[in-house]
Amino acid sequence: IASGRLDTRGWDFSHSAPVDPARNGPSGICLSYLLSGYRPYVAPGIVHPNPILQSKLEEGSHCSVVHQDLEYLGEGLEGRSSNPVAVLFDTLLHPDADFQFDYPSVLQWKLEKHENIPHIVLGKGLPGGAWHVMKGSMLTISLGNWMELPGLKFKDWASSKRRWEQFIINC
């Protein structure tokens, strides 16, 4: 990229993708993960601390969470977002995290190749967006485990980044 413009000379545009390009920040990475065919399922043997939600999850444990009635699953849940789907996925990924509990996620991700949707992910910089330009002294207001991407534990990522070593214990 020079002068804020992408140099596309020499690129082969003969292949098309049915999905508009996604950005390469955290939201775009999550979208790309889903478009690539990864689907969240209820992990066997893990019990959600909310007994009503656990009962609902058991009803549909044979199929991916994204193919279930999300409105039904999310009924009665409360969280930091006004988006009920976000609240549902927050509570599935990090049960009772708002109450400082560190329960395991009730989701496991499975690759279903037949669900793959060809797509393009574009960005001005490295995947991860603004994370690459943050100074080592900058902190987030979220707990580390709230910043996980599907299939990637924050503690695993943080342990590979020297500047984060001092914060891993607080994740």
N, C-alpha and C. Protein backbone atom coordinates (compact mmCIF):
# COMPACT_ATOMS: atom_id res chain seq x y z
N ILE A 1 0.86 -1.17 0.00
CA ILE A 1 0.00 0.00 0.00
C ILE A 1 0.90 1.22 0.00
N ALA A 2 0.71 2.05 -0.95
CA ALA A 2 1.46 3.30 -1.03
C ALA A 2 0.47 4.44 -1.07
N SER A 3 0.70 5.45 -0.29
CA SER A 3 -0.17 6.62 -0.25
C SER A 3 -1.62 6.26 0.05
N GLY A 4 -1.85 5.21 0.82
CA GLY A 4 -3.21 4.82 1.17
C GLY A 4 -3.97 4.13 0.05
N ARG A 5 -3.29 3.83 -1.06
CA ARG A 5 -3.94 3.16 -2.18
C ARG A 5 -3.36 1.77 -2.33
N LEU A 6 -4.21 0.82 -2.63
CA LEU A 6 -3.81 -0.56 -2.82
C LEU A 6 -3.34 -0.75 -4.25
N ASP A 7 -2.12 -1.26 -4.41
CA ASP A 7 -1.58 -1.52 -5.74
C ASP A 7 -2.03 -2.90 -6.18
N THR A 8 -2.92 -2.96 -7.15
CA THR A 8 -3.48 -4.24 -7.61
C THR A 8 -2.88 -4.68 -8.95
N ARG A 9 -1.84 -4.01 -9.41
CA ARG A 9 -1.22 -4.41 -10.67
C ARG A 9 -0.68 -5.83 -10.55
N GLY A 10 -0.96 -6.65 -11.52
CA GLY A 10 -0.46 -8.02 -11.53
C GLY A 10 -1.37 -9.01 -10.79
N TRP A 11 -2.45 -8.54 -10.22
CA TRP A 11 -3.37 -9.44 -9.51
C TRP A 11 -4.27 -10.14 -10.52
N ASP A 12 -4.64 -11.36 -10.24
CA ASP A 12 -5.54 -12.14 -11.08
C ASP A 12 -6.96 -12.01 -10.52
N PHE A 13 -7.81 -11.30 -11.22
CA PHE A 13 -9.19 -11.10 -10.78
C PHE A 13 -10.17 -12.03 -11.49
N SER A 14 -9.65 -13.11 -12.10
CA SER A 14 -10.54 -14.01 -12.84
C SER A 14 -11.39 -14.86 -11.90
N HIS A 15 -11.01 -14.97 -10.64
CA HIS A 15 -11.80 -15.72 -9.66
C HIS A 15 -12.69 -14.75 -8.91
N SER A 16 -13.94 -15.14 -8.74
CA SER A 16 -14.85 -14.27 -8.02
C SER A 16 -15.30 -14.95 -6.74
N ALA A 17 -15.81 -14.16 -5.83
CA ALA A 17 -16.33 -14.68 -4.57
C ALA A 17 -17.74 -14.13 -4.40
N PRO A 18 -18.70 -14.98 -3.98
CA PRO A 18 -20.08 -14.52 -3.85
C PRO A 18 -20.32 -13.62 -2.65
N VAL A 19 -19.34 -13.48 -1.78
CA VAL A 19 -19.50 -12.66 -0.58
C VAL A 19 -18.60 -11.45 -0.70
N ASP A 20 -19.16 -10.28 -0.36
CA ASP A 20 -18.37 -9.06 -0.37
C ASP A 20 -17.18 -9.22 0.57
N PRO A 21 -16.11 -8.54 0.27
CA PRO A 21 -14.93 -8.66 1.12
C PRO A 21 -15.22 -8.24 2.57
N ALA A 22 -14.63 -8.97 3.48
CA ALA A 22 -14.70 -8.63 4.91
C ALA A 22 -13.38 -7.98 5.29
N ARG A 23 -13.41 -7.09 6.25
CA ARG A 23 -12.18 -6.46 6.74
C ARG A 23 -11.41 -7.48 7.56
N ASN A 24 -10.14 -7.19 7.85
CA ASN A 24 -9.33 -8.18 8.54
C ASN A 24 -9.09 -7.87 10.02
N GLY A 25 -10.00 -7.10 10.62
CA GLY A 25 -9.97 -6.90 12.07
C GLY A 25 -10.65 -8.07 12.76
N PRO A 26 -10.83 -8.01 14.06
CA PRO A 26 -11.43 -9.13 14.80
C PRO A 26 -12.81 -9.55 14.29
N SER A 27 -13.68 -8.60 13.96
CA SER A 27 -15.01 -8.97 13.45
C SER A 27 -14.91 -9.66 12.10
N GLY A 28 -14.05 -9.15 11.24
CA GLY A 28 -13.86 -9.76 9.93
C GLY A 28 -13.25 -11.15 10.03
N ILE A 29 -12.35 -11.35 10.99
CA ILE A 29 -11.76 -12.67 11.19
C ILE A 29 -12.83 -13.66 11.65
N CYS A 30 -13.69 -13.23 12.56
CA CYS A 30 -14.78 -14.10 13.02
C CYS A 30 -15.73 -14.44 11.88
N LEU A 31 -16.08 -13.44 11.08
CA LEU A 31 -16.96 -13.68 9.93
C LEU A 31 -16.30 -14.66 8.96
N SER A 32 -15.03 -14.47 8.69
CA SER A 32 -14.31 -15.36 7.78
C SER A 32 -14.28 -16.79 8.31
N TYR A 33 -14.12 -16.94 9.62
CA TYR A 33 -14.12 -18.26 10.25
C TYR A 33 -15.44 -18.99 9.99
N LEU A 34 -16.55 -18.26 10.17
CA LEU A 34 -17.87 -18.84 9.90
C LEU A 34 -18.07 -19.13 8.41
N LEU A 35 -17.67 -18.19 7.56
CA LEU A 35 -17.81 -18.38 6.12
C LEU A 35 -16.95 -19.53 5.62
N SER A 36 -15.86 -19.83 6.31
CA SER A 36 -14.97 -20.93 5.93
C SER A 36 -15.56 -22.29 6.26
N GLY A 37 -16.67 -22.30 6.98
CA GLY A 37 -17.35 -23.56 7.27
C GLY A 37 -17.27 -24.02 8.71
N TYR A 38 -16.63 -23.25 9.57
CA TYR A 38 -16.57 -23.63 10.99
C TYR A 38 -17.91 -23.30 11.65
N ARG A 39 -18.42 -24.25 12.42
CA ARG A 39 -19.71 -24.09 13.08
C ARG A 39 -19.59 -24.43 14.56
N PRO A 40 -20.28 -23.65 15.40
CA PRO A 40 -20.26 -23.92 16.84
C PRO A 40 -21.29 -24.98 17.23
N TYR A 41 -20.84 -25.95 18.00
CA TYR A 41 -21.70 -27.00 18.54
C TYR A 41 -21.58 -26.99 20.06
N VAL A 42 -22.57 -27.53 20.73
CA VAL A 42 -22.49 -27.69 22.17
C VAL A 42 -21.48 -28.80 22.45
N ALA A 43 -20.48 -28.48 23.26
CA ALA A 43 -19.43 -29.45 23.58
C ALA A 43 -19.98 -30.53 24.51
N PRO A 44 -19.73 -31.79 24.19
CA PRO A 44 -20.24 -32.86 25.05
C PRO A 44 -19.54 -32.83 26.41
N GLY A 45 -20.31 -33.09 27.44
CA GLY A 45 -19.75 -33.19 28.78
C GLY A 45 -19.57 -31.89 29.53
N ILE A 46 -19.82 -30.76 28.89
CA ILE A 46 -19.70 -29.47 29.57
C ILE A 46 -21.11 -28.96 29.85
N VAL A 47 -21.35 -28.60 31.09
CA VAL A 47 -22.67 -28.15 31.52
C VAL A 47 -22.65 -26.64 31.73
N HIS A 48 -23.59 -25.95 31.11
CA HIS A 48 -23.71 -24.50 31.31
C HIS A 48 -24.28 -24.25 32.70
N PRO A 49 -23.78 -23.23 33.42
CA PRO A 49 -24.27 -22.96 34.77
C PRO A 49 -25.72 -22.47 34.84
N ASN A 50 -26.27 -22.01 33.72
CA ASN A 50 -27.67 -21.59 33.67
C ASN A 50 -28.50 -22.83 33.32
N PRO A 51 -29.26 -23.38 34.28
CA PRO A 51 -29.97 -24.65 34.03
C PRO A 51 -31.03 -24.55 32.93
N ILE A 52 -31.65 -23.39 32.78
CA ILE A 52 -32.66 -23.24 31.72
C ILE A 52 -31.99 -23.27 30.35
N LEU A 53 -30.90 -22.52 30.21
CA LEU A 53 -30.17 -22.53 28.95
C LEU A 53 -29.59 -23.91 28.68
N GLN A 54 -29.07 -24.57 29.70
CA GLN A 54 -28.52 -25.92 29.53
C GLN A 54 -29.58 -26.87 28.98
N SER A 55 -30.78 -26.78 29.51
CA SER A 55 -31.88 -27.64 29.05
C SER A 55 -32.19 -27.38 27.57
N LYS A 56 -32.21 -26.10 27.18
CA LYS A 56 -32.46 -25.75 25.78
C LYS A 56 -31.33 -26.25 24.88
N LEU A 57 -30.09 -26.14 25.36
CA LEU A 57 -28.95 -26.60 24.57
C LEU A 57 -29.00 -28.11 24.35
N GLU A 58 -29.44 -28.84 25.35
CA GLU A 58 -29.54 -30.30 25.23
C GLU A 58 -30.58 -30.70 24.18
N GLU A 59 -31.63 -29.90 24.03
CA GLU A 59 -32.67 -30.20 23.03
C GLU A 59 -32.11 -30.21 21.61
N GLY A 60 -31.16 -29.33 21.35
CA GLY A 60 -30.64 -29.21 19.98
C GLY A 60 -29.17 -29.57 19.86
N SER A 61 -28.67 -30.40 20.77
CA SER A 61 -27.24 -30.70 20.79
C SER A 61 -26.75 -31.42 19.54
N HIS A 62 -27.66 -31.96 18.74
CA HIS A 62 -27.29 -32.69 17.53
C HIS A 62 -26.96 -31.78 16.35
N CYS A 63 -27.31 -30.50 16.44
CA CYS A 63 -27.02 -29.62 15.31
C CYS A 63 -26.31 -28.35 15.78
N SER A 64 -25.69 -27.68 14.84
CA SER A 64 -24.93 -26.48 15.15
C SER A 64 -25.82 -25.42 15.79
N VAL A 65 -25.24 -24.67 16.69
CA VAL A 65 -25.98 -23.60 17.37
C VAL A 65 -26.52 -22.59 16.37
N VAL A 66 -25.78 -22.29 15.31
CA VAL A 66 -26.24 -21.30 14.34
C VAL A 66 -27.43 -21.78 13.51
N HIS A 67 -27.72 -23.07 13.55
CA HIS A 67 -28.87 -23.62 12.84
C HIS A 67 -30.06 -23.84 13.78
N GLN A 68 -29.96 -23.35 14.99
CA GLN A 68 -31.05 -23.47 15.96
C GLN A 68 -31.80 -22.15 16.06
N ASP A 69 -32.86 -22.13 16.82
CA ASP A 69 -33.66 -20.93 17.05
C ASP A 69 -32.94 -20.06 18.08
N LEU A 70 -32.18 -19.09 17.61
CA LEU A 70 -31.36 -18.25 18.49
C LEU A 70 -32.22 -17.41 19.43
N GLU A 71 -33.38 -16.98 18.96
CA GLU A 71 -34.29 -16.21 19.82
C GLU A 71 -34.74 -17.05 21.01
N TYR A 72 -35.09 -18.30 20.75
CA TYR A 72 -35.50 -19.22 21.81
C TYR A 72 -34.35 -19.48 22.79
N LEU A 73 -33.17 -19.74 22.26
CA LEU A 73 -32.02 -20.01 23.14
C LEU A 73 -31.69 -18.80 24.01
N GLY A 74 -31.85 -17.60 23.47
CA GLY A 74 -31.46 -16.40 24.19
C GLY A 74 -32.51 -15.80 25.10
N GLU A 75 -33.72 -16.39 25.11
CA GLU A 75 -34.79 -15.84 25.97
C GLU A 75 -34.35 -15.79 27.43
N GLY A 76 -34.51 -14.62 28.04
CA GLY A 76 -34.22 -14.47 29.46
C GLY A 76 -32.77 -14.19 29.81
N LEU A 77 -31.89 -14.21 28.82
CA LEU A 77 -30.48 -13.94 29.11
C LEU A 77 -30.24 -12.44 29.21
N GLU A 78 -29.34 -12.05 30.07
CA GLU A 78 -28.97 -10.65 30.22
C GLU A 78 -27.46 -10.53 30.07
N GLY A 79 -27.03 -9.40 29.53
CA GLY A 79 -25.60 -9.19 29.34
C GLY A 79 -25.29 -7.74 29.06
N ARG A 80 -24.06 -7.51 28.63
CA ARG A 80 -23.56 -6.15 28.41
C ARG A 80 -24.02 -5.54 27.10
N SER A 81 -24.63 -6.31 26.24
CA SER A 81 -25.02 -5.83 24.91
C SER A 81 -26.53 -5.73 24.80
N SER A 82 -26.98 -4.86 23.91
CA SER A 82 -28.41 -4.78 23.62
C SER A 82 -28.78 -5.74 22.48
N ASN A 83 -27.78 -6.41 21.90
CA ASN A 83 -27.99 -7.36 20.83
C ASN A 83 -28.18 -8.75 21.45
N PRO A 84 -29.38 -9.34 21.35
CA PRO A 84 -29.63 -10.63 22.00
C PRO A 84 -28.76 -11.77 21.49
N VAL A 85 -28.37 -11.74 20.21
CA VAL A 85 -27.49 -12.79 19.68
C VAL A 85 -26.09 -12.65 20.28
N ALA A 86 -25.62 -11.42 20.44
CA ALA A 86 -24.32 -11.20 21.07
C ALA A 86 -24.33 -11.68 22.52
N VAL A 87 -25.42 -11.40 23.24
CA VAL A 87 -25.54 -11.85 24.63
C VAL A 87 -25.53 -13.38 24.69
N LEU A 88 -26.24 -14.02 23.77
CA LEU A 88 -26.27 -15.48 23.73
C LEU A 88 -24.87 -16.04 23.51
N PHE A 89 -24.17 -15.54 22.49
CA PHE A 89 -22.85 -16.08 22.22
C PHE A 89 -21.85 -15.75 23.32
N ASP A 90 -21.98 -14.58 23.93
CA ASP A 90 -21.12 -14.27 25.09
C ASP A 90 -21.31 -15.29 26.19
N THR A 91 -22.57 -15.62 26.49
CA THR A 91 -22.84 -16.55 27.59
C THR A 91 -22.49 -17.99 27.23
N LEU A 92 -22.46 -18.32 25.94
CA LEU A 92 -22.02 -19.65 25.53
C LEU A 92 -20.50 -19.77 25.54
N LEU A 93 -19.84 -18.71 25.10
CA LEU A 93 -18.37 -18.72 25.06
C LEU A 93 -17.76 -18.53 26.45
N HIS A 94 -18.37 -17.67 27.26
CA HIS A 94 -17.83 -17.34 28.59
C HIS A 94 -18.96 -17.30 29.61
N PRO A 95 -19.45 -18.47 30.02
CA PRO A 95 -20.58 -18.51 30.95
C PRO A 95 -20.30 -17.74 32.24
N ASP A 96 -21.22 -16.85 32.58
CA ASP A 96 -21.17 -16.05 33.81
C ASP A 96 -19.89 -15.23 33.97
N ALA A 97 -19.26 -14.87 32.85
CA ALA A 97 -18.03 -14.06 32.92
C ALA A 97 -18.30 -12.69 33.54
N ASP A 98 -19.50 -12.16 33.34
CA ASP A 98 -19.83 -10.86 33.93
C ASP A 98 -19.82 -10.90 35.46
N PHE A 99 -19.90 -12.10 36.01
CA PHE A 99 -19.89 -12.27 37.47
C PHE A 99 -18.53 -12.77 37.95
N GLN A 100 -17.50 -12.60 37.10
CA GLN A 100 -16.12 -12.95 37.42
C GLN A 100 -15.86 -14.45 37.52
N PHE A 101 -16.73 -15.28 36.94
CA PHE A 101 -16.48 -16.72 36.91
C PHE A 101 -15.66 -17.06 35.68
N ASP A 102 -14.91 -18.12 35.76
CA ASP A 102 -14.08 -18.57 34.64
C ASP A 102 -14.48 -19.98 34.23
N TYR A 103 -15.76 -20.15 33.88
CA TYR A 103 -16.25 -21.45 33.43
C TYR A 103 -15.78 -21.70 32.00
N PRO A 104 -15.60 -22.96 31.64
CA PRO A 104 -15.20 -23.25 30.25
C PRO A 104 -16.33 -22.95 29.27
N SER A 105 -15.96 -22.66 28.06
CA SER A 105 -16.95 -22.45 27.00
C SER A 105 -17.74 -23.73 26.80
N VAL A 106 -19.01 -23.59 26.49
CA VAL A 106 -19.83 -24.77 26.19
C VAL A 106 -19.83 -25.06 24.69
N LEU A 107 -19.04 -24.30 23.94
CA LEU A 107 -18.99 -24.49 22.49
C LEU A 107 -17.72 -25.20 22.06
N GLN A 108 -17.85 -26.00 21.04
CA GLN A 108 -16.69 -26.52 20.32
C GLN A 108 -16.94 -26.23 18.85
N TRP A 109 -15.87 -25.94 18.13
CA TRP A 109 -15.99 -25.56 16.73
C TRP A 109 -15.63 -26.74 15.85
N LYS A 110 -16.47 -27.01 14.86
CA LYS A 110 -16.24 -28.10 13.91
C LYS A 110 -16.22 -27.54 12.49
N LEU A 111 -15.28 -28.04 11.70
CA LEU A 111 -15.22 -27.65 10.30
C LEU A 111 -16.18 -28.51 9.49
N GLU A 112 -17.11 -27.85 8.83
CA GLU A 112 -18.05 -28.53 7.93
C GLU A 112 -17.79 -27.98 6.53
N LYS A 113 -16.97 -28.70 5.78
CA LYS A 113 -16.52 -28.21 4.48
C LYS A 113 -17.67 -27.86 3.54
N HIS A 114 -18.79 -28.55 3.66
CA HIS A 114 -19.93 -28.26 2.78
C HIS A 114 -20.57 -26.90 3.10
N GLU A 115 -20.24 -26.32 4.25
CA GLU A 115 -20.77 -25.00 4.64
C GLU A 115 -19.86 -23.86 4.17
N ASN A 116 -18.71 -24.20 3.59
CA ASN A 116 -17.76 -23.19 3.14
C ASN A 116 -18.39 -22.28 2.09
N ILE A 117 -18.23 -20.98 2.28
CA ILE A 117 -18.68 -19.99 1.31
C ILE A 117 -17.45 -19.22 0.86
N PRO A 118 -17.09 -19.32 -0.43
CA PRO A 118 -15.91 -18.58 -0.89
C PRO A 118 -16.06 -17.09 -0.58
N HIS A 119 -15.00 -16.50 -0.08
CA HIS A 119 -15.03 -15.09 0.29
C HIS A 119 -13.62 -14.53 0.26
N ILE A 120 -13.55 -13.24 0.37
CA ILE A 120 -12.28 -12.53 0.35
C ILE A 120 -12.19 -11.69 1.62
N VAL A 121 -11.03 -11.71 2.25
CA VAL A 121 -10.79 -10.86 3.41
C VAL A 121 -9.70 -9.87 3.02
N LEU A 122 -10.02 -8.59 3.06
CA LEU A 122 -9.07 -7.55 2.70
C LEU A 122 -8.83 -6.63 3.88
N GLY A 123 -7.64 -6.08 3.95
CA GLY A 123 -7.34 -5.11 4.98
C GLY A 123 -6.09 -4.34 4.61
N LYS A 124 -5.91 -3.21 5.24
CA LYS A 124 -4.75 -2.37 4.95
C LYS A 124 -3.48 -2.89 5.61
N GLY A 125 -3.64 -3.68 6.65
CA GLY A 125 -2.47 -4.17 7.37
C GLY A 125 -2.58 -5.65 7.66
N LEU A 126 -1.84 -6.08 8.67
CA LEU A 126 -1.84 -7.48 9.08
C LEU A 126 -3.19 -7.87 9.67
N PRO A 127 -3.55 -9.15 9.58
CA PRO A 127 -4.79 -9.61 10.22
C PRO A 127 -4.79 -9.26 11.71
N GLY A 128 -5.92 -8.80 12.20
CA GLY A 128 -6.03 -8.40 13.60
C GLY A 128 -6.29 -6.92 13.75
N GLY A 129 -6.15 -6.18 12.65
CA GLY A 129 -6.48 -4.75 12.69
C GLY A 129 -5.60 -3.95 13.63
N ALA A 130 -6.25 -3.15 14.47
CA ALA A 130 -5.57 -2.19 15.33
C ALA A 130 -4.65 -2.84 16.36
N TRP A 131 -4.81 -4.13 16.61
CA TRP A 131 -3.97 -4.79 17.62
C TRP A 131 -2.49 -4.66 17.29
N HIS A 132 -2.14 -4.54 16.04
CA HIS A 132 -0.73 -4.49 15.65
C HIS A 132 -0.10 -3.12 15.86
N VAL A 133 -0.91 -2.08 16.03
CA VAL A 133 -0.35 -0.75 16.22
C VAL A 133 -0.47 -0.27 17.67
N MET A 134 -1.02 -1.10 18.54
CA MET A 134 -1.13 -0.71 19.94
C MET A 134 0.23 -0.79 20.62
N LYS A 135 0.49 0.20 21.43
CA LYS A 135 1.74 0.23 22.18
C LYS A 135 1.66 -0.79 23.31
N GLY A 136 2.81 -1.30 23.73
CA GLY A 136 2.87 -2.30 24.78
C GLY A 136 2.30 -1.84 26.10
N SER A 137 2.26 -0.52 26.31
CA SER A 137 1.74 0.01 27.58
C SER A 137 0.22 0.16 27.56
N MET A 138 -0.41 -0.03 26.39
CA MET A 138 -1.85 0.15 26.28
C MET A 138 -2.57 -1.08 26.83
N LEU A 139 -3.63 -0.84 27.58
CA LEU A 139 -4.43 -1.91 28.15
C LEU A 139 -5.85 -1.81 27.63
N THR A 140 -6.60 -2.90 27.74
CA THR A 140 -8.00 -2.89 27.36
C THR A 140 -8.85 -2.88 28.62
N ILE A 141 -10.10 -2.49 28.49
CA ILE A 141 -11.00 -2.52 29.64
C ILE A 141 -11.68 -3.88 29.77
N SER A 142 -11.47 -4.75 28.79
CA SER A 142 -12.06 -6.09 28.83
C SER A 142 -11.06 -7.08 29.40
N LEU A 143 -11.57 -8.10 30.08
CA LEU A 143 -10.71 -9.19 30.51
C LEU A 143 -10.19 -9.90 29.27
N GLY A 144 -9.00 -10.45 29.36
CA GLY A 144 -8.37 -11.09 28.21
C GLY A 144 -9.22 -12.17 27.57
N ASN A 145 -9.87 -13.01 28.39
CA ASN A 145 -10.63 -14.11 27.79
C ASN A 145 -11.87 -13.62 27.05
N TRP A 146 -12.29 -12.37 27.24
CA TRP A 146 -13.42 -11.83 26.50
C TRP A 146 -13.01 -11.43 25.08
N MET A 147 -11.71 -11.43 24.81
CA MET A 147 -11.23 -11.00 23.50
C MET A 147 -10.83 -12.18 22.62
N GLU A 148 -11.27 -13.37 22.96
CA GLU A 148 -10.92 -14.54 22.19
C GLU A 148 -11.65 -14.57 20.85
N LEU A 149 -11.00 -15.17 19.89
CA LEU A 149 -11.61 -15.42 18.59
C LEU A 149 -12.03 -16.88 18.55
N PRO A 150 -12.97 -17.24 17.70
CA PRO A 150 -13.38 -18.65 17.62
C PRO A 150 -12.17 -19.54 17.34
N GLY A 151 -12.04 -20.58 18.13
CA GLY A 151 -10.96 -21.54 17.92
C GLY A 151 -9.59 -21.07 18.39
N LEU A 152 -9.49 -19.90 19.00
CA LEU A 152 -8.20 -19.39 19.46
C LEU A 152 -8.36 -18.84 20.88
N LYS A 153 -7.77 -19.51 21.83
CA LYS A 153 -7.81 -19.05 23.22
C LYS A 153 -6.89 -17.85 23.37
N PHE A 154 -7.35 -16.83 24.07
CA PHE A 154 -6.54 -15.64 24.26
C PHE A 154 -5.25 -15.97 25.00
N LYS A 155 -5.32 -16.85 26.00
CA LYS A 155 -4.11 -17.21 26.75
C LYS A 155 -3.06 -17.83 25.84
N ASP A 156 -3.48 -18.64 24.87
CA ASP A 156 -2.54 -19.25 23.93
C ASP A 156 -1.88 -18.18 23.07
N TRP A 157 -2.70 -17.25 22.57
CA TRP A 157 -2.16 -16.17 21.75
C TRP A 157 -1.23 -15.28 22.58
N ALA A 158 -1.69 -14.92 23.77
CA ALA A 158 -0.92 -14.01 24.62
C ALA A 158 0.42 -14.61 25.01
N SER A 159 0.47 -15.91 25.24
CA SER A 159 1.73 -16.53 25.64
C SER A 159 2.76 -16.48 24.52
N SER A 160 2.32 -16.30 23.28
CA SER A 160 3.25 -16.19 22.16
C SER A 160 3.72 -14.75 21.94
N LYS A 161 3.13 -13.81 22.66
CA LYS A 161 3.49 -12.40 22.52
C LYS A 161 4.17 -11.92 23.80
N ARG A 162 5.42 -11.63 23.73
CA ARG A 162 6.21 -11.29 24.91
C ARG A 162 5.62 -10.14 25.71
N ARG A 163 5.12 -9.11 25.05
CA ARG A 163 4.63 -7.94 25.78
C ARG A 163 3.40 -8.24 26.62
N TRP A 164 2.73 -9.38 26.37
CA TRP A 164 1.52 -9.72 27.10
C TRP A 164 1.79 -10.64 28.29
N GLU A 165 3.01 -11.14 28.44
CA GLU A 165 3.29 -12.14 29.47
C GLU A 165 2.84 -11.71 30.86
N GLN A 166 3.03 -10.44 31.19
CA GLN A 166 2.67 -9.98 32.53
C GLN A 166 1.17 -9.95 32.76
N PHE A 167 0.37 -9.99 31.69
CA PHE A 167 -1.08 -9.89 31.85
C PHE A 167 -1.78 -11.25 31.75
N ILE A 168 -1.07 -12.29 31.35
CA ILE A 168 -1.69 -13.59 31.14
C ILE A 168 -2.35 -14.09 32.42
N ILE A 169 -1.74 -13.85 33.52
CA ILE A 169 -2.28 -14.34 34.79
C ILE A 169 -3.65 -13.75 35.08
N ASN A 170 -3.96 -12.58 34.52
CA ASN A 170 -5.23 -11.91 34.77
C ASN A 170 -6.30 -12.26 33.74
N CYS A 171 -5.98 -13.13 32.80
CA CYS A 171 -6.94 -13.45 31.74
C CYS A 171 -8.09 -14.25 32.25
